Amino acid sequence: MFSDQMIVLTYVIRSDSEQRGYNPWLRTVDNPFFNSVPKIALYENWKLAGGDLTSLPWTHFDLLHPAKGVDPMEVFQVPVVAEFAANWSRLWGVDPAAEDQSVNYQIHILERMRQGKCRRGELVALVIEPNLEQLPAEAEVWRTRSMVVGDNQLGETFALQPLALTEGKADSAWGRRVLVGDCIASPQYA
């Protein structure tokens, strides 16, 4: 079971990042690093792969579940995590020298409203402001509790629906904006 709190990072990478090996770097460096931090139970890297992408200011997102009993803010107080984030901005951020890191990423703290399916699968629908009457019962539902960096990109409520349970199809009736995420790196889908 996932933790009752989650940190979601939304971001866009520098235009040449994929050519410079961003996805392999996520699989061999970033994801193993974050999943080795004791205060983190699960960390996954995702890329938007479809849905209503019109005027969306981010292309990637990371899902981070703090370990049981760990307040999400404690994750940011781990010195190696802060160092790693600064290095990420230098390597991949749109503006590596920015004092205000919200140009490179946004950090959301969410709390669970509904459990949903325990394994997400390699494709998920990200539903911003879900319609709970239309959303499948297997979907995880989260409420944005606070922002650490930047403006809220996920709305007041946010849902994740494993697309393996809907024959790979997302339905626009599930919410105000329905996006599709493709897993780049996760210890569950190596």
N, C-alpha and C. Protein backbone atom coordinates (compact mmCIF):
# COMPACT_ATOMS: atom_id res chain seq x y z
N MET A 1 0.84 -1.19 0.00
CA MET A 1 0.00 0.00 0.00
C MET A 1 0.88 1.24 0.00
N PHE A 2 0.49 2.23 -0.79
CA PHE A 2 1.21 3.49 -0.83
C PHE A 2 0.97 4.28 0.45
N SER A 3 1.89 5.17 0.77
CA SER A 3 1.74 6.02 1.95
C SER A 3 0.55 6.96 1.78
N ASP A 4 0.10 7.55 2.89
CA ASP A 4 -1.05 8.45 2.84
C ASP A 4 -0.68 9.86 2.43
N GLN A 5 0.60 10.10 2.20
CA GLN A 5 1.06 11.39 1.70
C GLN A 5 1.97 11.13 0.51
N MET A 6 2.00 12.09 -0.40
CA MET A 6 2.82 11.93 -1.58
C MET A 6 3.37 13.30 -1.98
N ILE A 7 4.59 13.29 -2.49
CA ILE A 7 5.20 14.48 -3.06
C ILE A 7 5.18 14.28 -4.58
N VAL A 8 4.65 15.26 -5.30
CA VAL A 8 4.65 15.20 -6.76
C VAL A 8 5.46 16.37 -7.27
N LEU A 9 6.46 16.06 -8.09
CA LEU A 9 7.26 17.08 -8.76
C LEU A 9 6.80 17.13 -10.21
N THR A 10 6.44 18.32 -10.68
CA THR A 10 6.14 18.52 -12.10
C THR A 10 7.26 19.38 -12.66
N TYR A 11 7.67 19.08 -13.90
CA TYR A 11 8.81 19.82 -14.44
C TYR A 11 8.93 19.66 -15.95
N VAL A 12 9.76 20.49 -16.53
CA VAL A 12 10.14 20.39 -17.93
C VAL A 12 11.67 20.34 -17.96
N ILE A 13 12.21 19.56 -18.87
CA ILE A 13 13.67 19.44 -18.96
C ILE A 13 14.20 20.32 -20.09
N ARG A 14 15.49 20.60 -20.04
CA ARG A 14 16.15 21.36 -21.10
C ARG A 14 15.94 20.65 -22.44
N SER A 15 15.85 21.42 -23.51
CA SER A 15 15.47 20.87 -24.83
C SER A 15 16.40 19.77 -25.34
N ASP A 16 17.66 19.78 -24.95
CA ASP A 16 18.60 18.75 -25.44
C ASP A 16 18.80 17.59 -24.45
N SER A 17 18.01 17.56 -23.40
CA SER A 17 18.22 16.57 -22.33
C SER A 17 18.07 15.13 -22.80
N GLU A 18 17.05 14.85 -23.59
CA GLU A 18 16.86 13.46 -24.02
C GLU A 18 18.02 13.00 -24.89
N GLN A 19 18.53 13.89 -25.76
CA GLN A 19 19.68 13.53 -26.60
C GLN A 19 20.93 13.31 -25.74
N ARG A 20 21.02 13.99 -24.61
CA ARG A 20 22.18 13.84 -23.72
C ARG A 20 22.02 12.68 -22.75
N GLY A 21 20.94 11.91 -22.87
CA GLY A 21 20.81 10.70 -22.05
C GLY A 21 19.97 10.82 -20.80
N TYR A 22 18.96 11.70 -20.82
CA TYR A 22 18.16 11.91 -19.61
C TYR A 22 17.47 10.62 -19.13
N ASN A 23 16.79 9.90 -20.01
CA ASN A 23 16.06 8.70 -19.56
C ASN A 23 16.99 7.63 -18.98
N PRO A 24 18.12 7.31 -19.64
CA PRO A 24 19.05 6.35 -19.01
C PRO A 24 19.59 6.86 -17.67
N TRP A 25 19.83 8.17 -17.56
CA TRP A 25 20.30 8.75 -16.30
C TRP A 25 19.26 8.55 -15.20
N LEU A 26 17.97 8.73 -15.55
CA LEU A 26 16.91 8.49 -14.55
C LEU A 26 16.96 7.05 -14.06
N ARG A 27 17.13 6.11 -14.99
CA ARG A 27 17.10 4.68 -14.63
C ARG A 27 18.32 4.23 -13.84
N THR A 28 19.48 4.81 -14.15
CA THR A 28 20.72 4.31 -13.53
C THR A 28 21.23 5.17 -12.37
N VAL A 29 20.80 6.43 -12.30
CA VAL A 29 21.32 7.33 -11.26
C VAL A 29 20.19 7.87 -10.38
N ASP A 30 19.28 8.63 -10.96
CA ASP A 30 18.24 9.35 -10.21
C ASP A 30 17.34 8.40 -9.42
N ASN A 31 16.70 7.47 -10.11
CA ASN A 31 15.74 6.59 -9.45
C ASN A 31 16.39 5.71 -8.38
N PRO A 32 17.53 5.07 -8.66
CA PRO A 32 18.18 4.29 -7.59
C PRO A 32 18.60 5.16 -6.40
N PHE A 33 19.05 6.39 -6.67
CA PHE A 33 19.45 7.27 -5.56
C PHE A 33 18.26 7.54 -4.64
N PHE A 34 17.16 8.05 -5.19
CA PHE A 34 16.03 8.41 -4.34
C PHE A 34 15.44 7.19 -3.64
N ASN A 35 15.41 6.05 -4.30
CA ASN A 35 14.88 4.84 -3.66
C ASN A 35 15.82 4.27 -2.61
N SER A 36 17.04 4.78 -2.51
CA SER A 36 17.97 4.34 -1.46
C SER A 36 17.92 5.23 -0.22
N VAL A 37 17.22 6.36 -0.29
CA VAL A 37 17.12 7.28 0.85
C VAL A 37 16.15 6.69 1.87
N PRO A 38 16.57 6.48 3.12
CA PRO A 38 15.71 5.82 4.11
C PRO A 38 14.36 6.52 4.36
N LYS A 39 14.27 7.81 4.17
CA LYS A 39 13.01 8.53 4.41
C LYS A 39 12.03 8.41 3.24
N ILE A 40 12.44 7.70 2.17
CA ILE A 40 11.61 7.55 0.98
C ILE A 40 11.23 6.07 0.81
N ALA A 41 9.91 5.81 0.70
CA ALA A 41 9.43 4.43 0.51
C ALA A 41 9.40 4.04 -0.97
N LEU A 42 9.01 4.97 -1.84
CA LEU A 42 8.91 4.68 -3.27
C LEU A 42 9.05 5.98 -4.05
N TYR A 43 9.83 5.91 -5.11
CA TYR A 43 10.05 7.06 -5.99
C TYR A 43 9.99 6.56 -7.43
N GLU A 44 9.20 7.25 -8.28
CA GLU A 44 9.03 6.87 -9.68
C GLU A 44 9.14 8.10 -10.58
N ASN A 45 9.68 7.90 -11.80
CA ASN A 45 9.81 8.96 -12.80
C ASN A 45 8.85 8.68 -13.95
N TRP A 46 8.15 9.72 -14.39
CA TRP A 46 7.13 9.58 -15.43
C TRP A 46 7.27 10.69 -16.47
N LYS A 47 6.74 10.43 -17.66
CA LYS A 47 6.69 11.43 -18.73
C LYS A 47 5.28 11.47 -19.27
N LEU A 48 4.79 12.69 -19.57
CA LEU A 48 3.48 12.80 -20.20
C LEU A 48 3.55 12.19 -21.59
N ALA A 49 2.56 11.37 -21.92
CA ALA A 49 2.57 10.66 -23.20
C ALA A 49 1.29 10.86 -24.00
N GLY A 50 0.35 11.62 -23.47
CA GLY A 50 -0.89 11.84 -24.20
C GLY A 50 -1.94 12.52 -23.35
N GLY A 51 -3.10 12.70 -23.94
CA GLY A 51 -4.18 13.40 -23.27
C GLY A 51 -4.19 14.87 -23.65
N ASP A 52 -4.87 15.67 -22.87
CA ASP A 52 -5.01 17.10 -23.13
C ASP A 52 -3.77 17.85 -22.66
N LEU A 53 -2.77 17.95 -23.53
CA LEU A 53 -1.50 18.59 -23.18
C LEU A 53 -1.48 20.08 -23.53
N THR A 54 -2.59 20.62 -24.03
CA THR A 54 -2.68 22.01 -24.45
C THR A 54 -2.24 22.96 -23.35
N SER A 55 -1.29 23.81 -23.67
CA SER A 55 -0.76 24.86 -22.78
C SER A 55 -0.33 24.35 -21.40
N LEU A 56 0.09 23.13 -21.33
CA LEU A 56 0.57 22.56 -20.06
C LEU A 56 2.04 22.94 -19.88
N PRO A 57 2.42 23.54 -18.75
CA PRO A 57 3.80 24.02 -18.58
C PRO A 57 4.79 22.97 -18.07
N TRP A 58 4.44 21.70 -18.09
CA TRP A 58 5.34 20.63 -17.65
C TRP A 58 5.16 19.41 -18.54
N THR A 59 6.23 18.63 -18.65
CA THR A 59 6.24 17.45 -19.51
C THR A 59 6.53 16.16 -18.75
N HIS A 60 7.07 16.30 -17.54
CA HIS A 60 7.49 15.16 -16.73
C HIS A 60 6.94 15.32 -15.31
N PHE A 61 6.86 14.21 -14.60
CA PHE A 61 6.48 14.27 -13.19
C PHE A 61 7.10 13.10 -12.45
N ASP A 62 7.38 13.32 -11.19
CA ASP A 62 7.92 12.29 -10.31
C ASP A 62 6.95 12.10 -9.16
N LEU A 63 6.74 10.86 -8.76
CA LEU A 63 5.88 10.52 -7.62
C LEU A 63 6.77 9.98 -6.52
N LEU A 64 6.73 10.63 -5.37
CA LEU A 64 7.59 10.25 -4.25
C LEU A 64 6.72 10.00 -3.02
N HIS A 65 6.78 8.78 -2.50
CA HIS A 65 6.06 8.43 -1.28
C HIS A 65 7.04 8.41 -0.12
N PRO A 66 6.84 9.29 0.88
CA PRO A 66 7.70 9.23 2.07
C PRO A 66 7.51 7.89 2.79
N ALA A 67 8.54 7.48 3.51
CA ALA A 67 8.45 6.26 4.32
C ALA A 67 7.39 6.45 5.41
N LYS A 68 6.90 5.34 5.93
CA LYS A 68 5.87 5.38 6.98
C LYS A 68 6.36 6.23 8.16
N GLY A 69 5.51 7.16 8.59
CA GLY A 69 5.82 8.02 9.73
C GLY A 69 6.68 9.23 9.40
N VAL A 70 7.08 9.38 8.14
CA VAL A 70 7.93 10.51 7.74
C VAL A 70 7.05 11.62 7.17
N ASP A 71 7.17 12.82 7.73
CA ASP A 71 6.49 13.98 7.19
C ASP A 71 7.16 14.34 5.86
N PRO A 72 6.40 14.67 4.82
CA PRO A 72 7.02 14.98 3.53
C PRO A 72 8.11 16.04 3.59
N MET A 73 7.95 17.03 4.44
CA MET A 73 8.96 18.09 4.53
C MET A 73 10.31 17.57 5.02
N GLU A 74 10.30 16.46 5.77
CA GLU A 74 11.56 15.87 6.25
C GLU A 74 12.44 15.41 5.09
N VAL A 75 11.83 15.00 3.98
CA VAL A 75 12.60 14.53 2.83
C VAL A 75 13.52 15.64 2.32
N PHE A 76 13.03 16.88 2.33
CA PHE A 76 13.81 18.01 1.81
C PHE A 76 14.91 18.44 2.77
N GLN A 77 14.87 17.95 4.00
CA GLN A 77 15.89 18.31 4.99
C GLN A 77 17.06 17.34 4.99
N VAL A 78 17.00 16.31 4.18
CA VAL A 78 18.10 15.36 4.06
C VAL A 78 19.17 16.02 3.18
N PRO A 79 20.38 16.27 3.71
CA PRO A 79 21.39 17.01 2.95
C PRO A 79 21.71 16.42 1.57
N VAL A 80 21.80 15.09 1.45
CA VAL A 80 22.13 14.51 0.14
C VAL A 80 21.00 14.72 -0.87
N VAL A 81 19.76 14.82 -0.39
CA VAL A 81 18.63 15.08 -1.28
C VAL A 81 18.72 16.51 -1.82
N ALA A 82 19.03 17.47 -0.96
CA ALA A 82 19.19 18.86 -1.40
C ALA A 82 20.33 18.99 -2.41
N GLU A 83 21.44 18.32 -2.13
CA GLU A 83 22.58 18.34 -3.07
C GLU A 83 22.20 17.73 -4.40
N PHE A 84 21.49 16.62 -4.35
CA PHE A 84 21.10 15.92 -5.57
C PHE A 84 20.18 16.81 -6.41
N ALA A 85 19.23 17.49 -5.76
CA ALA A 85 18.30 18.38 -6.48
C ALA A 85 19.04 19.52 -7.16
N ALA A 86 20.02 20.09 -6.47
CA ALA A 86 20.82 21.17 -7.07
C ALA A 86 21.58 20.66 -8.29
N ASN A 87 22.11 19.45 -8.20
CA ASN A 87 22.82 18.86 -9.33
C ASN A 87 21.87 18.57 -10.49
N TRP A 88 20.65 18.12 -10.18
CA TRP A 88 19.66 17.89 -11.23
C TRP A 88 19.41 19.18 -12.00
N SER A 89 19.20 20.28 -11.29
CA SER A 89 18.96 21.57 -11.96
C SER A 89 20.13 21.94 -12.86
N ARG A 90 21.34 21.71 -12.37
CA ARG A 90 22.54 22.04 -13.16
C ARG A 90 22.60 21.20 -14.43
N LEU A 91 22.29 19.92 -14.33
CA LEU A 91 22.38 19.01 -15.47
C LEU A 91 21.21 19.12 -16.45
N TRP A 92 20.00 19.24 -15.93
CA TRP A 92 18.81 19.07 -16.76
C TRP A 92 17.82 20.22 -16.73
N GLY A 93 17.88 21.10 -15.74
CA GLY A 93 16.89 22.16 -15.59
C GLY A 93 16.91 23.15 -16.75
N VAL A 94 15.76 23.76 -17.02
CA VAL A 94 15.64 24.75 -18.09
C VAL A 94 16.56 25.94 -17.82
N ASP A 95 16.64 26.36 -16.57
CA ASP A 95 17.52 27.47 -16.19
C ASP A 95 18.37 27.02 -15.00
N PRO A 96 19.53 26.41 -15.27
CA PRO A 96 20.35 25.84 -14.21
C PRO A 96 20.81 26.84 -13.15
N ALA A 97 20.93 28.11 -13.52
CA ALA A 97 21.44 29.12 -12.59
C ALA A 97 20.34 29.89 -11.86
N ALA A 98 19.09 29.52 -12.07
CA ALA A 98 17.97 30.27 -11.48
C ALA A 98 18.01 30.23 -9.96
N GLU A 99 17.79 31.40 -9.35
CA GLU A 99 17.66 31.43 -7.88
C GLU A 99 16.30 30.87 -7.48
N ASP A 100 15.27 31.20 -8.26
CA ASP A 100 13.92 30.69 -8.02
C ASP A 100 13.77 29.41 -8.83
N GLN A 101 13.83 28.26 -8.17
CA GLN A 101 13.81 26.98 -8.86
C GLN A 101 12.44 26.62 -9.46
N SER A 102 11.42 27.44 -9.23
CA SER A 102 10.11 27.14 -9.81
C SER A 102 10.13 27.22 -11.34
N VAL A 103 11.16 27.82 -11.93
CA VAL A 103 11.28 27.79 -13.40
C VAL A 103 11.70 26.39 -13.86
N ASN A 104 12.30 25.62 -12.97
CA ASN A 104 12.76 24.27 -13.30
C ASN A 104 11.79 23.18 -12.85
N TYR A 105 11.13 23.37 -11.72
CA TYR A 105 10.22 22.35 -11.20
C TYR A 105 9.26 22.95 -10.18
N GLN A 106 8.16 22.23 -9.95
CA GLN A 106 7.19 22.58 -8.92
C GLN A 106 7.07 21.36 -8.00
N ILE A 107 6.94 21.63 -6.70
CA ILE A 107 6.83 20.53 -5.74
C ILE A 107 5.52 20.66 -4.98
N HIS A 108 4.68 19.64 -5.10
CA HIS A 108 3.37 19.57 -4.47
C HIS A 108 3.41 18.55 -3.33
N ILE A 109 2.75 18.86 -2.23
CA ILE A 109 2.54 17.90 -1.14
C ILE A 109 1.06 17.53 -1.18
N LEU A 110 0.78 16.23 -1.30
CA LEU A 110 -0.60 15.77 -1.39
C LEU A 110 -0.92 14.81 -0.26
N GLU A 111 -2.22 14.71 0.05
CA GLU A 111 -2.69 13.73 1.02
C GLU A 111 -3.77 12.88 0.38
N ARG A 112 -3.79 11.62 0.77
CA ARG A 112 -4.72 10.66 0.17
C ARG A 112 -6.17 10.95 0.57
N MET A 113 -7.05 10.85 -0.44
CA MET A 113 -8.48 10.87 -0.20
C MET A 113 -9.08 9.47 -0.39
N ARG A 114 -8.48 8.69 -1.33
CA ARG A 114 -8.98 7.35 -1.63
C ARG A 114 -7.81 6.47 -2.06
N GLN A 115 -7.76 5.24 -1.56
CA GLN A 115 -6.62 4.34 -1.78
C GLN A 115 -6.42 3.97 -3.24
N GLY A 116 -7.37 3.39 -3.89
CA GLY A 116 -7.18 2.95 -5.26
C GLY A 116 -6.37 1.67 -5.36
N LYS A 117 -5.84 1.40 -6.54
CA LYS A 117 -5.08 0.19 -6.84
C LYS A 117 -3.65 0.33 -6.33
N CYS A 118 -3.10 -0.72 -5.75
CA CYS A 118 -1.76 -0.63 -5.17
C CYS A 118 -0.64 -0.57 -6.20
N ARG A 119 -0.77 -1.25 -7.32
CA ARG A 119 0.25 -1.17 -8.38
C ARG A 119 -0.30 -0.33 -9.52
N ARG A 120 0.45 0.70 -9.88
CA ARG A 120 -0.04 1.61 -10.91
C ARG A 120 0.09 1.05 -12.31
N GLY A 121 1.10 0.26 -12.57
CA GLY A 121 1.37 -0.18 -13.93
C GLY A 121 2.25 0.84 -14.64
N GLU A 122 2.54 0.56 -15.90
CA GLU A 122 3.48 1.41 -16.63
C GLU A 122 2.81 2.58 -17.33
N LEU A 123 1.49 2.59 -17.43
CA LEU A 123 0.73 3.72 -17.98
C LEU A 123 -0.36 4.09 -16.99
N VAL A 124 -0.48 5.39 -16.72
CA VAL A 124 -1.54 5.87 -15.84
C VAL A 124 -2.23 7.07 -16.48
N ALA A 125 -3.49 7.24 -16.12
CA ALA A 125 -4.18 8.49 -16.43
C ALA A 125 -3.98 9.39 -15.23
N LEU A 126 -3.57 10.62 -15.49
CA LEU A 126 -3.48 11.65 -14.46
C LEU A 126 -4.71 12.51 -14.64
N VAL A 127 -5.53 12.59 -13.64
CA VAL A 127 -6.80 13.29 -13.77
C VAL A 127 -6.79 14.50 -12.84
N ILE A 128 -6.80 15.68 -13.44
CA ILE A 128 -6.80 16.92 -12.67
C ILE A 128 -8.25 17.31 -12.44
N GLU A 129 -8.60 17.57 -11.18
CA GLU A 129 -9.97 17.87 -10.76
C GLU A 129 -10.92 16.76 -11.24
N PRO A 130 -10.74 15.54 -10.69
CA PRO A 130 -11.54 14.39 -11.14
C PRO A 130 -13.03 14.53 -10.83
N ASN A 131 -13.83 13.92 -11.70
CA ASN A 131 -15.26 13.76 -11.48
C ASN A 131 -15.42 12.41 -10.78
N LEU A 132 -15.62 12.42 -9.49
CA LEU A 132 -15.63 11.18 -8.71
C LEU A 132 -16.75 10.23 -9.09
N GLU A 133 -17.82 10.75 -9.71
CA GLU A 133 -18.91 9.88 -10.15
C GLU A 133 -18.53 9.10 -11.41
N GLN A 134 -17.64 9.64 -12.22
CA GLN A 134 -17.23 9.00 -13.48
C GLN A 134 -15.92 8.23 -13.35
N LEU A 135 -15.10 8.62 -12.40
CA LEU A 135 -13.77 8.04 -12.23
C LEU A 135 -13.88 6.58 -11.79
N PRO A 136 -13.12 5.66 -12.39
CA PRO A 136 -13.17 4.26 -11.94
C PRO A 136 -12.81 4.12 -10.45
N ALA A 137 -13.38 3.12 -9.82
CA ALA A 137 -13.16 2.89 -8.39
C ALA A 137 -11.72 2.54 -8.07
N GLU A 138 -10.95 2.05 -9.06
CA GLU A 138 -9.54 1.66 -8.83
C GLU A 138 -8.61 2.86 -8.73
N ALA A 139 -9.08 4.04 -9.07
CA ALA A 139 -8.21 5.23 -9.10
C ALA A 139 -7.83 5.69 -7.70
N GLU A 140 -6.57 6.10 -7.56
CA GLU A 140 -6.12 6.78 -6.34
C GLU A 140 -6.60 8.23 -6.44
N VAL A 141 -7.07 8.80 -5.34
CA VAL A 141 -7.48 10.20 -5.34
C VAL A 141 -6.71 10.93 -4.25
N TRP A 142 -6.14 12.09 -4.62
CA TRP A 142 -5.28 12.87 -3.74
C TRP A 142 -5.76 14.31 -3.68
N ARG A 143 -5.52 14.95 -2.55
CA ARG A 143 -5.83 16.38 -2.37
C ARG A 143 -4.52 17.13 -2.17
N THR A 144 -4.38 18.25 -2.87
CA THR A 144 -3.18 19.08 -2.69
C THR A 144 -3.25 19.74 -1.33
N ARG A 145 -2.25 19.47 -0.50
CA ARG A 145 -2.19 20.05 0.84
C ARG A 145 -1.41 21.35 0.85
N SER A 146 -0.29 21.38 0.13
CA SER A 146 0.54 22.58 0.11
C SER A 146 1.52 22.52 -1.05
N MET A 147 2.16 23.64 -1.29
CA MET A 147 3.21 23.74 -2.30
C MET A 147 4.52 24.05 -1.60
N VAL A 148 5.60 23.42 -2.05
CA VAL A 148 6.94 23.68 -1.52
C VAL A 148 7.66 24.64 -2.46
N VAL A 149 7.54 24.40 -3.77
CA VAL A 149 8.16 25.24 -4.79
C VAL A 149 7.15 25.45 -5.91
N GLY A 150 6.96 26.71 -6.33
CA GLY A 150 6.14 27.02 -7.50
C GLY A 150 4.66 27.01 -7.26
N ASP A 151 3.93 27.14 -8.37
CA ASP A 151 2.47 27.19 -8.35
C ASP A 151 1.88 25.80 -8.58
N ASN A 152 0.69 25.60 -8.03
CA ASN A 152 -0.01 24.32 -8.14
C ASN A 152 -0.34 24.00 -9.60
N GLN A 153 0.15 22.88 -10.08
CA GLN A 153 -0.12 22.41 -11.44
C GLN A 153 -1.16 21.29 -11.47
N LEU A 154 -1.57 20.81 -10.31
CA LEU A 154 -2.41 19.62 -10.24
C LEU A 154 -3.84 19.88 -9.79
N GLY A 155 -4.19 21.12 -9.46
CA GLY A 155 -5.52 21.42 -8.98
C GLY A 155 -5.70 21.04 -7.52
N GLU A 156 -6.91 21.26 -7.02
CA GLU A 156 -7.20 20.93 -5.62
C GLU A 156 -7.21 19.43 -5.39
N THR A 157 -7.77 18.69 -6.35
CA THR A 157 -7.75 17.23 -6.27
C THR A 157 -7.14 16.67 -7.56
N PHE A 158 -6.60 15.47 -7.42
CA PHE A 158 -5.79 14.86 -8.47
C PHE A 158 -5.97 13.35 -8.34
N ALA A 159 -6.11 12.65 -9.45
CA ALA A 159 -6.28 11.19 -9.39
C ALA A 159 -5.29 10.50 -10.33
N LEU A 160 -4.95 9.27 -9.98
CA LEU A 160 -4.12 8.40 -10.81
C LEU A 160 -4.89 7.11 -11.06
N GLN A 161 -5.14 6.81 -12.33
CA GLN A 161 -5.87 5.61 -12.71
C GLN A 161 -4.95 4.70 -13.52
N PRO A 162 -4.67 3.47 -13.03
CA PRO A 162 -3.87 2.54 -13.82
C PRO A 162 -4.60 2.20 -15.13
N LEU A 163 -3.96 2.45 -16.27
CA LEU A 163 -4.63 2.20 -17.55
C LEU A 163 -4.66 0.73 -17.92
N ALA A 164 -3.86 -0.10 -17.26
CA ALA A 164 -3.94 -1.55 -17.49
C ALA A 164 -5.33 -2.07 -17.10
N LEU A 165 -6.03 -1.35 -16.23
CA LEU A 165 -7.35 -1.78 -15.77
C LEU A 165 -8.47 -1.29 -16.68
N THR A 166 -8.14 -0.43 -17.65
CA THR A 166 -9.15 0.10 -18.56
C THR A 166 -8.75 -0.15 -20.02
N GLU A 167 -8.06 -1.26 -20.25
CA GLU A 167 -7.60 -1.65 -21.59
C GLU A 167 -6.77 -0.55 -22.26
N GLY A 168 -6.01 0.18 -21.46
CA GLY A 168 -5.12 1.21 -21.99
C GLY A 168 -5.80 2.50 -22.39
N LYS A 169 -7.07 2.65 -22.05
CA LYS A 169 -7.82 3.83 -22.48
C LYS A 169 -8.14 4.75 -21.32
N ALA A 170 -7.98 6.05 -21.57
CA ALA A 170 -8.38 7.08 -20.62
C ALA A 170 -9.66 7.73 -21.14
N ASP A 171 -10.52 8.18 -20.24
CA ASP A 171 -11.80 8.76 -20.62
C ASP A 171 -11.83 10.22 -20.18
N SER A 172 -12.13 11.12 -21.11
CA SER A 172 -12.16 12.56 -20.78
C SER A 172 -13.25 12.89 -19.77
N ALA A 173 -14.23 12.02 -19.58
CA ALA A 173 -15.29 12.25 -18.59
C ALA A 173 -14.78 12.08 -17.16
N TRP A 174 -13.57 11.54 -16.99
CA TRP A 174 -13.04 11.30 -15.65
C TRP A 174 -12.72 12.58 -14.89
N GLY A 175 -12.54 13.71 -15.59
CA GLY A 175 -12.22 14.94 -14.89
C GLY A 175 -12.01 16.12 -15.82
N ARG A 176 -11.66 17.27 -15.21
CA ARG A 176 -11.48 18.51 -15.98
C ARG A 176 -10.38 18.36 -17.02
N ARG A 177 -9.28 17.71 -16.66
CA ARG A 177 -8.18 17.49 -17.60
C ARG A 177 -7.64 16.09 -17.36
N VAL A 178 -7.56 15.30 -18.44
CA VAL A 178 -7.08 13.92 -18.34
C VAL A 178 -5.82 13.80 -19.18
N LEU A 179 -4.74 13.38 -18.54
CA LEU A 179 -3.44 13.22 -19.18
C LEU A 179 -3.03 11.76 -19.07
N VAL A 180 -2.07 11.35 -19.89
CA VAL A 180 -1.55 9.99 -19.81
C VAL A 180 -0.07 10.07 -19.45
N GLY A 181 0.33 9.31 -18.44
CA GLY A 181 1.72 9.26 -18.02
C GLY A 181 2.32 7.90 -18.33
N ASP A 182 3.56 7.91 -18.83
CA ASP A 182 4.30 6.70 -19.15
C ASP A 182 5.48 6.60 -18.18
N CYS A 183 5.61 5.48 -17.50
CA CYS A 183 6.67 5.31 -16.50
C CYS A 183 8.03 5.17 -17.19
N ILE A 184 8.97 6.03 -16.79
CA ILE A 184 10.34 5.95 -17.29
C ILE A 184 11.19 5.07 -16.38
N ALA A 185 11.03 5.27 -15.06
CA ALA A 185 11.86 4.52 -14.10
C ALA A 185 11.09 4.31 -12.80
N SER A 186 11.14 3.08 -12.32
CA SER A 186 10.52 2.70 -11.06
C SER A 186 11.12 1.37 -10.62
N PRO A 187 11.34 1.18 -9.33
CA PRO A 187 11.83 -0.13 -8.89
C PRO A 187 10.80 -1.24 -9.14
N GLN A 188 9.53 -0.86 -9.32
CA GLN A 188 8.48 -1.85 -9.56
C GLN A 188 8.42 -2.31 -11.02
N TYR A 189 8.98 -1.52 -11.93
CA TYR A 189 8.91 -1.84 -13.36
C TYR A 189 10.29 -1.74 -13.97
N ALA A 190 11.23 -2.49 -13.46
CA ALA A 190 12.62 -2.42 -13.93
C ALA A 190 12.77 -3.09 -15.28
